[in-house]
Amino acid sequence: MAASSSTSCSLLLLLVATTIYAMSLPCTCAANAGSSRHLTAGFIRVKLNESQFVVQKPYNVPLQQRYEQRDGVRRMWVFATDKPISSTHPGGARTEIKVNKIYSSGVWQFEGDMYVPSGTSGASVMQIFGAATHATTLMLHVYDGRLTYYHDLTKVVADRVYNRWIRLNVVHDVAAGNVTVFVDGERRLSAPGQGGKEHYFKFGVYKQSHNHPSHRMESRWKNVAIYTKL
């Protein structure tokens, strides 16, 4: 009887130890849930050189006071009171990167990892420039930790975006006239295209006039890539 009790106790201890070990392992299913590899399948990655990442910043301050690139991360910030990118430019304060790869047809995809520090609000962080009747086909704004379609607070693309890295994929089908936004591999928005003859992608921070923009705005980016289907 004592031997049987000892065996049962040993089996119980083994089961507990196995359970604890299993719980300590990383959950690969959760990691794969946010993967965006399937989104770029069938696309061709566009070769870009550093000169095609054109920084646009307030014209009256040195670049290093609004932009930093370190360890693969591009950090951009701007103040609500900053000047535009030139003394004659009608737009508002911004520190953005224009990806100087213009397209007018085909299917194009922007991919990048984005980090927005808490406190940033009232800023566009990504856009597709070019449209038939106004400036852009798409703008993604941040308001109080929410990523939205333009300044429409009812169209939330992602919530709780502060202080964490998120993977952003944006697909623009020019011929079909639509734009699809994915966050961490999940489709979060489908929107109509806006026409226009030429387009390019931009990312960074660009002050908006809606919903009380913060005094300081910042976003950080890494692993930015452009893909296409022609």
C-alpha atoms as a PDB file:
ATOM      1  CA  MET A   1       0.000   0.000   0.000  1.00  0.00           C
ATOM      2  CA  ALA A   2       2.837   2.350   0.839  1.00  0.00           C
ATOM      3  CA  ALA A   3       4.502   1.592  -2.504  1.00  0.00           C
ATOM      4  CA  SER A   4       1.267   2.400  -4.365  1.00  0.00           C
ATOM      5  CA  SER A   5       0.906   5.682  -2.493  1.00  0.00           C
ATOM      6  CA  SER A   6       4.511   6.587  -3.278  1.00  0.00           C
ATOM      7  CA  THR A   7       3.993   5.843  -6.983  1.00  0.00           C
ATOM      8  CA  SER A   8       0.833   7.989  -7.108  1.00  0.00           C
ATOM      9  CA  CYS A   9       2.641  10.841  -5.406  1.00  0.00           C
ATOM     10  CA  SER A  10       5.517  10.613  -7.884  1.00  0.00           C
ATOM     11  CA  LEU A  11       3.119  10.633 -10.835  1.00  0.00           C
ATOM     12  CA  LEU A  12       1.325  13.668  -9.410  1.00  0.00           C
ATOM     13  CA  LEU A  13       4.596  15.552  -8.971  1.00  0.00           C
ATOM     14  CA  LEU A  14       5.610  14.663 -12.533  1.00  0.00           C
ATOM     15  CA  LEU A  15       2.275  15.926 -13.872  1.00  0.00           C
ATOM     16  CA  VAL A  16       2.598  19.218 -11.978  1.00  0.00           C
ATOM     17  CA  ALA A  17       6.182  19.722 -13.182  1.00  0.00           C
ATOM     18  CA  THR A  18       5.177  19.005 -16.787  1.00  0.00           C
ATOM     19  CA  THR A  19       2.287  21.477 -16.580  1.00  0.00           C
ATOM     20  CA  ILE A  20       4.503  24.221 -15.158  1.00  0.00           C
ATOM     21  CA  TYR A  21       7.095  23.657 -17.891  1.00  0.00           C
ATOM     22  CA  ALA A  22       4.449  23.779 -20.621  1.00  0.00           C
ATOM     23  CA  MET A  23       3.057  27.031 -19.244  1.00  0.00           C
ATOM     24  CA  SER A  24       6.538  28.581 -19.329  1.00  0.00           C
ATOM     25  CA  LEU A  25       6.967  27.954 -23.053  1.00  0.00           C
ATOM     26  CA  PRO A  26       6.220  30.813 -25.480  1.00  0.00           C
ATOM     27  CA  CYS A  27       2.858  30.537 -27.186  1.00  0.00           C
ATOM     28  CA  THR A  28       3.714  30.212 -30.856  1.00  0.00           C
ATOM     29  CA  CYS A  29       0.060  30.378 -31.879  1.00  0.00           C
ATOM     30  CA  ALA A  30      -0.256  33.868 -30.389  1.00  0.00           C
ATOM     31  CA  ALA A  31       2.944  34.986 -32.055  1.00  0.00           C
ATOM     32  CA  ASN A  32       1.774  33.730 -35.435  1.00  0.00           C
ATOM     33  CA  ALA A  33      -1.613  35.415 -35.060  1.00  0.00           C
ATOM     34  CA  GLY A  34      -0.005  38.815 -35.610  1.00  0.00           C
ATOM     35  CA  SER A  35       2.147  37.756 -38.535  1.00  0.00           C
ATOM     36  CA  SER A  36       1.804  39.668 -41.795  1.00  0.00           C
ATOM     37  CA  ARG A  37       3.736  37.248 -44.002  1.00  0.00           C
ATOM     38  CA  HIS A  38       0.571  36.104 -45.747  1.00  0.00           C
ATOM     39  CA  LEU A  39      -0.193  39.701 -46.749  1.00  0.00           C
ATOM     40  CA  THR A  40       2.925  40.069 -48.884  1.00  0.00           C
ATOM     41  CA  ALA A  41       2.598  36.672 -50.592  1.00  0.00           C
ATOM     42  CA  GLY A  42       2.438  37.216 -54.345  1.00  0.00           C
ATOM     43  CA  PHE A  43       3.936  40.712 -54.069  1.00  0.00           C
ATOM     44  CA  ILE A  44       7.381  41.817 -55.195  1.00  0.00           C
ATOM     45  CA  ARG A  45       9.427  43.882 -52.747  1.00  0.00           C
ATOM     46  CA  VAL A  46      10.483  47.192 -54.270  1.00  0.00           C
ATOM     47  CA  LYS A  47      14.181  47.997 -53.962  1.00  0.00           C
ATOM     48  CA  LEU A  48      14.618  51.346 -52.243  1.00  0.00           C
ATOM     49  CA  ASN A  49      17.769  53.255 -51.414  1.00  0.00           C
ATOM     50  CA  GLU A  50      18.137  55.659 -48.511  1.00  0.00           C
ATOM     51  CA  SER A  51      17.841  58.716 -50.754  1.00  0.00           C
ATOM     52  CA  GLN A  52      14.236  57.707 -51.488  1.00  0.00           C
ATOM     53  CA  PHE A  53      13.294  58.210 -47.827  1.00  0.00           C
ATOM     54  CA  VAL A  54      12.883  61.987 -48.015  1.00  0.00           C
ATOM     55  CA  VAL A  55      12.443  63.701 -44.638  1.00  0.00           C
ATOM     56  CA  GLN A  56      10.079  66.688 -44.600  1.00  0.00           C
ATOM     57  CA  LYS A  57      10.432  68.817 -41.455  1.00  0.00           C
ATOM     58  CA  PRO A  58       9.856  72.418 -40.310  1.00  0.00           C
ATOM     59  CA  TYR A  59      11.960  74.583 -42.584  1.00  0.00           C
ATOM     60  CA  ASN A  60      13.466  76.741 -39.852  1.00  0.00           C
ATOM     61  CA  VAL A  61      14.945  74.044 -37.581  1.00  0.00           C
ATOM     62  CA  PRO A  62      17.878  71.656 -38.156  1.00  0.00           C
ATOM     63  CA  LEU A  63      17.051  68.079 -39.087  1.00  0.00           C
ATOM     64  CA  GLN A  64      18.486  66.626 -35.877  1.00  0.00           C
ATOM     65  CA  GLN A  65      15.999  68.647 -33.821  1.00  0.00           C
ATOM     66  CA  ARG A  66      13.033  66.791 -35.345  1.00  0.00           C
ATOM     67  CA  TYR A  67      14.422  63.504 -36.696  1.00  0.00           C
ATOM     68  CA  GLU A  68      16.632  60.692 -35.446  1.00  0.00           C
ATOM     69  CA  GLN A  69      17.656  57.384 -37.004  1.00  0.00           C
ATOM     70  CA  ARG A  70      19.281  54.843 -34.714  1.00  0.00           C
ATOM     71  CA  ASP A  71      19.481  51.029 -34.609  1.00  0.00           C
ATOM     72  CA  GLY A  72      17.077  50.706 -37.515  1.00  0.00           C
ATOM     73  CA  VAL A  73      14.422  52.953 -35.951  1.00  0.00           C
ATOM     74  CA  ARG A  74      13.365  56.253 -37.521  1.00  0.00           C
ATOM     75  CA  ARG A  75      12.021  58.635 -34.868  1.00  0.00           C
ATOM     76  CA  MET A  76      10.113  61.751 -35.924  1.00  0.00           C
ATOM     77  CA  TRP A  77       8.565  64.432 -33.742  1.00  0.00           C
ATOM     78  CA  VAL A  78       6.993  67.839 -34.208  1.00  0.00           C
ATOM     79  CA  PHE A  79       5.376  70.577 -32.146  1.00  0.00           C
ATOM     80  CA  ALA A  80       1.966  72.037 -32.870  1.00  0.00           C
ATOM     81  CA  THR A  81       3.513  75.498 -33.148  1.00  0.00           C
ATOM     82  CA  ASP A  82       6.163  74.452 -35.685  1.00  0.00           C
ATOM     83  CA  LYS A  83       6.464  75.998 -39.131  1.00  0.00           C
ATOM     84  CA  PRO A  84       5.554  74.085 -42.330  1.00  0.00           C
ATOM     85  CA  ILE A  85       8.146  72.447 -44.581  1.00  0.00           C
ATOM     86  CA  SER A  86       8.790  75.702 -46.458  1.00  0.00           C
ATOM     87  CA  SER A  87       7.912  79.364 -46.038  1.00  0.00           C
ATOM     88  CA  THR A  88       5.457  79.113 -48.950  1.00  0.00           C
ATOM     89  CA  HIS A  89       3.954  75.701 -48.161  1.00  0.00           C
ATOM     90  CA  PRO A  90       0.270  75.832 -47.161  1.00  0.00           C
ATOM     91  CA  GLY A  91       0.345  72.665 -45.028  1.00  0.00           C
ATOM     92  CA  GLY A  92       0.707  72.415 -41.280  1.00  0.00           C
ATOM     93  CA  ALA A  93       3.523  71.340 -38.977  1.00  0.00           C
ATOM     94  CA  ARG A  94       5.014  67.938 -39.723  1.00  0.00           C
ATOM     95  CA  THR A  95       8.023  65.699 -39.646  1.00  0.00           C
ATOM     96  CA  GLU A  96       7.294  63.018 -42.205  1.00  0.00           C
ATOM     97  CA  ILE A  97       9.097  60.759 -44.604  1.00  0.00           C
ATOM     98  CA  LYS A  98       7.986  60.755 -48.199  1.00  0.00           C
ATOM     99  CA  VAL A  99       8.801  57.432 -49.839  1.00  0.00           C
ATOM    100  CA  ASN A 100       9.907  58.720 -53.207  1.00  0.00           C
ATOM    101  CA  LYS A 101       8.483  55.900 -55.290  1.00  0.00           C
ATOM    102  CA  ILE A 102       5.596  57.274 -57.344  1.00  0.00           C
ATOM    103  CA  TYR A 103       3.035  54.914 -58.827  1.00  0.00           C
ATOM    104  CA  SER A 104      -0.069  55.351 -60.960  1.00  0.00           C
ATOM    105  CA  SER A 105      -1.301  51.796 -61.580  1.00  0.00           C
ATOM    106  CA  GLY A 106      -1.154  48.290 -60.165  1.00  0.00           C
ATOM    107  CA  VAL A 107      -1.484  47.082 -56.571  1.00  0.00           C
ATOM    108  CA  TRP A 108       0.888  48.567 -54.010  1.00  0.00           C
ATOM    109  CA  GLN A 109       1.501  47.753 -50.372  1.00  0.00           C
ATOM    110  CA  PHE A 110       3.125  49.683 -47.540  1.00  0.00           C
ATOM    111  CA  GLU A 111       4.465  47.729 -44.570  1.00  0.00           C
ATOM    112  CA  GLY A 112       6.070  48.990 -41.388  1.00  0.00           C
ATOM    113  CA  ASP A 113       6.262  48.650 -37.619  1.00  0.00           C
ATOM    114  CA  MET A 114       4.928  51.740 -35.842  1.00  0.00           C
ATOM    115  CA  TYR A 115       5.298  52.964 -32.259  1.00  0.00           C
ATOM    116  CA  VAL A 116       3.387  55.988 -30.930  1.00  0.00           C
ATOM    117  CA  PRO A 117       4.348  57.318 -27.470  1.00  0.00           C
ATOM    118  CA  SER A 118       1.532  58.221 -25.103  1.00  0.00           C
ATOM    119  CA  GLY A 119       0.480  61.857 -25.294  1.00  0.00           C
ATOM    120  CA  THR A 120       0.605  62.091 -29.081  1.00  0.00           C
ATOM    121  CA  SER A 121      -2.831  63.074 -30.371  1.00  0.00           C
ATOM    122  CA  GLY A 122      -4.251  64.878 -33.382  1.00  0.00           C
ATOM    123  CA  ALA A 123      -1.579  63.687 -35.792  1.00  0.00           C
ATOM    124  CA  SER A 124      -1.570  61.851 -39.094  1.00  0.00           C
ATOM    125  CA  VAL A 125       0.969  59.030 -38.868  1.00  0.00           C
ATOM    126  CA  MET A 126       0.607  57.446 -42.308  1.00  0.00           C
ATOM    127  CA  GLN A 127      -0.898  58.478 -45.620  1.00  0.00           C
ATOM    128  CA  ILE A 128      -1.257  57.669 -49.289  1.00  0.00           C
ATOM    129  CA  PHE A 129      -0.692  60.943 -51.090  1.00  0.00           C
ATOM    130  CA  GLY A 130      -2.529  61.771 -54.295  1.00  0.00           C
ATOM    131  CA  ALA A 131      -6.242  61.891 -55.147  1.00  0.00           C
ATOM    132  CA  ALA A 132      -8.570  63.311 -57.765  1.00  0.00           C
ATOM    133  CA  THR A 133     -10.252  66.093 -55.798  1.00  0.00           C
ATOM    134  CA  HIS A 134      -8.094  66.541 -52.694  1.00  0.00           C
ATOM    135  CA  ALA A 135      -4.614  65.773 -51.421  1.00  0.00           C
ATOM    136  CA  THR A 136      -4.793  62.190 -50.156  1.00  0.00           C
ATOM    137  CA  THR A 137      -6.325  58.795 -50.819  1.00  0.00           C
ATOM    138  CA  LEU A 138      -5.799  57.680 -47.211  1.00  0.00           C
ATOM    139  CA  MET A 139      -4.756  59.186 -43.907  1.00  0.00           C
ATOM    140  CA  LEU A 140      -4.438  57.355 -40.609  1.00  0.00           C
ATOM    141  CA  HIS A 141      -4.650  59.607 -37.565  1.00  0.00           C
ATOM    142  CA  VAL A 142      -3.985  59.048 -33.873  1.00  0.00           C
ATOM    143  CA  TYR A 143      -6.404  60.492 -31.308  1.00  0.00           C
ATOM    144  CA  ASP A 144      -6.025  59.618 -27.624  1.00  0.00           C
ATOM    145  CA  GLY A 145      -4.493  56.233 -28.294  1.00  0.00           C
ATOM    146  CA  ARG A 146      -6.791  55.268 -31.162  1.00  0.00           C
ATOM    147  CA  LEU A 147      -5.779  54.885 -34.795  1.00  0.00           C
ATOM    148  CA  THR A 148      -8.585  56.266 -36.975  1.00  0.00           C
ATOM    149  CA  TYR A 149      -9.566  56.742 -40.610  1.00  0.00           C
ATOM    150  CA  TYR A 150      -8.854  60.442 -41.131  1.00  0.00           C
ATOM    151  CA  HIS A 151     -10.433  62.367 -38.216  1.00  0.00           C
ATOM    152  CA  ASP A 152     -13.562  60.198 -38.052  1.00  0.00           C
ATOM    153  CA  LEU A 153     -13.622  58.976 -34.454  1.00  0.00           C
ATOM    154  CA  THR A 154     -16.337  56.441 -35.344  1.00  0.00           C
ATOM    155  CA  LYS A 155     -13.947  54.618 -37.694  1.00  0.00           C
ATOM    156  CA  VAL A 156     -11.362  53.208 -35.314  1.00  0.00           C
ATOM    157  CA  VAL A 157      -8.746  51.115 -37.088  1.00  0.00           C
ATOM    158  CA  ALA A 158      -6.914  50.093 -33.891  1.00  0.00           C
ATOM    159  CA  ASP A 159      -7.331  50.851 -30.205  1.00  0.00           C
ATOM    160  CA  ARG A 160      -4.700  51.253 -27.483  1.00  0.00           C
ATOM    161  CA  VAL A 161      -1.849  51.967 -29.888  1.00  0.00           C
ATOM    162  CA  TYR A 162       0.251  53.888 -27.359  1.00  0.00           C
ATOM    163  CA  ASN A 163       3.627  52.585 -26.200  1.00  0.00           C
ATOM    164  CA  ARG A 164       3.708  49.383 -28.232  1.00  0.00           C
ATOM    165  CA  TRP A 165       4.906  48.282 -31.638  1.00  0.00           C
ATOM    166  CA  ILE A 166       2.208  47.407 -34.165  1.00  0.00           C
ATOM    167  CA  ARG A 167       2.645  46.035 -37.667  1.00  0.00           C
ATOM    168  CA  LEU A 168       0.846  48.145 -40.251  1.00  0.00           C
ATOM    169  CA  ASN A 169       0.105  46.938 -43.786  1.00  0.00           C
ATOM    170  CA  VAL A 170      -1.770  49.136 -46.265  1.00  0.00           C
ATOM    171  CA  VAL A 171      -2.781  47.792 -49.686  1.00  0.00           C
ATOM    172  CA  HIS A 172      -3.811  50.206 -52.453  1.00  0.00           C
ATOM    173  CA  ASP A 173      -5.430  48.647 -55.527  1.00  0.00           C
ATOM    174  CA  VAL A 174      -5.423  51.520 -57.991  1.00  0.00           C
ATOM    175  CA  ALA A 175      -7.549  49.910 -60.715  1.00  0.00           C
ATOM    176  CA  ALA A 176     -10.142  48.526 -58.292  1.00  0.00           C
ATOM    177  CA  GLY A 177     -10.225  51.831 -56.457  1.00  0.00           C
ATOM    178  CA  ASN A 178      -9.893  50.560 -52.908  1.00  0.00           C
ATOM    179  CA  VAL A 179      -7.583  50.659 -49.903  1.00  0.00           C
ATOM    180  CA  THR A 180      -7.292  47.975 -47.225  1.00  0.00           C
ATOM    181  CA  VAL A 181      -5.578  48.455 -43.860  1.00  0.00           C
ATOM    182  CA  PHE A 182      -4.261  45.583 -41.745  1.00  0.00           C
ATOM    183  CA  VAL A 183      -3.033  45.848 -38.161  1.00  0.00           C
ATOM    184  CA  ASP A 184      -0.890  42.992 -36.841  1.00  0.00           C
ATOM    185  CA  GLY A 185      -2.012  40.851 -39.758  1.00  0.00           C
ATOM    186  CA  GLU A 186      -5.746  41.419 -39.303  1.00  0.00           C
ATOM    187  CA  ARG A 187      -7.887  43.405 -41.730  1.00  0.00           C
ATOM    188  CA  ARG A 188      -9.247  46.442 -39.904  1.00  0.00           C
ATOM    189  CA  LEU A 189     -10.426  48.814 -42.635  1.00  0.00           C
ATOM    190  CA  SER A 190     -11.596  48.808 -46.246  1.00  0.00           C
ATOM    191  CA  ALA A 191     -12.079  52.205 -47.850  1.00  0.00           C
ATOM    192  CA  PRO A 192     -12.702  53.540 -51.352  1.00  0.00           C
ATOM    193  CA  GLY A 193      -9.869  54.931 -53.417  1.00  0.00           C
ATOM    194  CA  GLN A 194      -9.934  58.616 -54.267  1.00  0.00           C
ATOM    195  CA  GLY A 195      -8.749  58.571 -57.865  1.00  0.00           C
ATOM    196  CA  GLY A 196      -5.781  60.637 -58.927  1.00  0.00           C
ATOM    197  CA  LYS A 197      -2.956  60.045 -61.374  1.00  0.00           C
ATOM    198  CA  GLU A 198       0.056  59.711 -59.069  1.00  0.00           C
ATOM    199  CA  HIS A 199       0.508  58.337 -55.556  1.00  0.00           C
ATOM    200  CA  TYR A 200       3.193  57.722 -52.959  1.00  0.00           C
ATOM    201  CA  PHE A 201       3.373  56.707 -49.298  1.00  0.00           C
ATOM    202  CA  LYS A 202       4.249  58.913 -46.328  1.00  0.00           C
ATOM    203  CA  PHE A 203       4.761  58.185 -42.627  1.00  0.00           C
ATOM    204  CA  GLY A 204       5.737  60.172 -39.540  1.00  0.00           C
ATOM    205  CA  VAL A 205       3.727  62.869 -37.738  1.00  0.00           C
ATOM    206  CA  TYR A 206       1.655  65.611 -39.342  1.00  0.00           C
ATOM    207  CA  LYS A 207      -0.420  67.887 -37.114  1.00  0.00           C
ATOM    208  CA  GLN A 208      -4.154  67.923 -37.786  1.00  0.00           C
ATOM    209  CA  SER A 209      -6.595  70.678 -36.925  1.00  0.00           C
ATOM    210  CA  HIS A 210      -9.317  68.356 -35.590  1.00  0.00           C
ATOM    211  CA  ASN A 211     -10.024  67.067 -32.084  1.00  0.00           C
ATOM    212  CA  HIS A 212      -7.520  69.139 -30.112  1.00  0.00           C
ATOM    213  CA  PRO A 213      -4.018  68.130 -31.256  1.00  0.00           C
ATOM    214  CA  SER A 214      -1.372  67.707 -28.577  1.00  0.00           C
ATOM    215  CA  HIS A 215       1.488  70.166 -28.227  1.00  0.00           C
ATOM    216  CA  ARG A 216       4.072  67.503 -29.075  1.00  0.00           C
ATOM    217  CA  MET A 217       3.577  64.602 -31.491  1.00  0.00           C
ATOM    218  CA  GLU A 218       5.881  61.671 -32.199  1.00  0.00           C
ATOM    219  CA  SER A 219       5.976  58.346 -34.033  1.00  0.00           C
ATOM    220  CA  ARG A 220       8.728  55.787 -34.526  1.00  0.00           C
ATOM    221  CA  TRP A 221       9.111  53.389 -37.434  1.00  0.00           C
ATOM    222  CA  LYS A 222      11.179  50.375 -38.395  1.00  0.00           C
ATOM    223  CA  ASN A 223      11.141  47.638 -41.051  1.00  0.00           C
ATOM    224  CA  VAL A 224       9.447  49.892 -43.593  1.00  0.00           C
ATOM    225  CA  ALA A 225       9.073  48.226 -46.982  1.00  0.00           C
ATOM    226  CA  ILE A 226       7.103  48.733 -50.187  1.00  0.00           C
ATOM    227  CA  TYR A 227       5.679  45.894 -52.285  1.00  0.00           C
ATOM    228  CA  THR A 228       3.876  45.788 -55.608  1.00  0.00           C
ATOM    229  CA  LYS A 229       1.886  43.660 -58.039  1.00  0.00           C
ATOM    230  CA  LEU A 230       2.092  45.045 -61.565  1.00  0.00           C
END
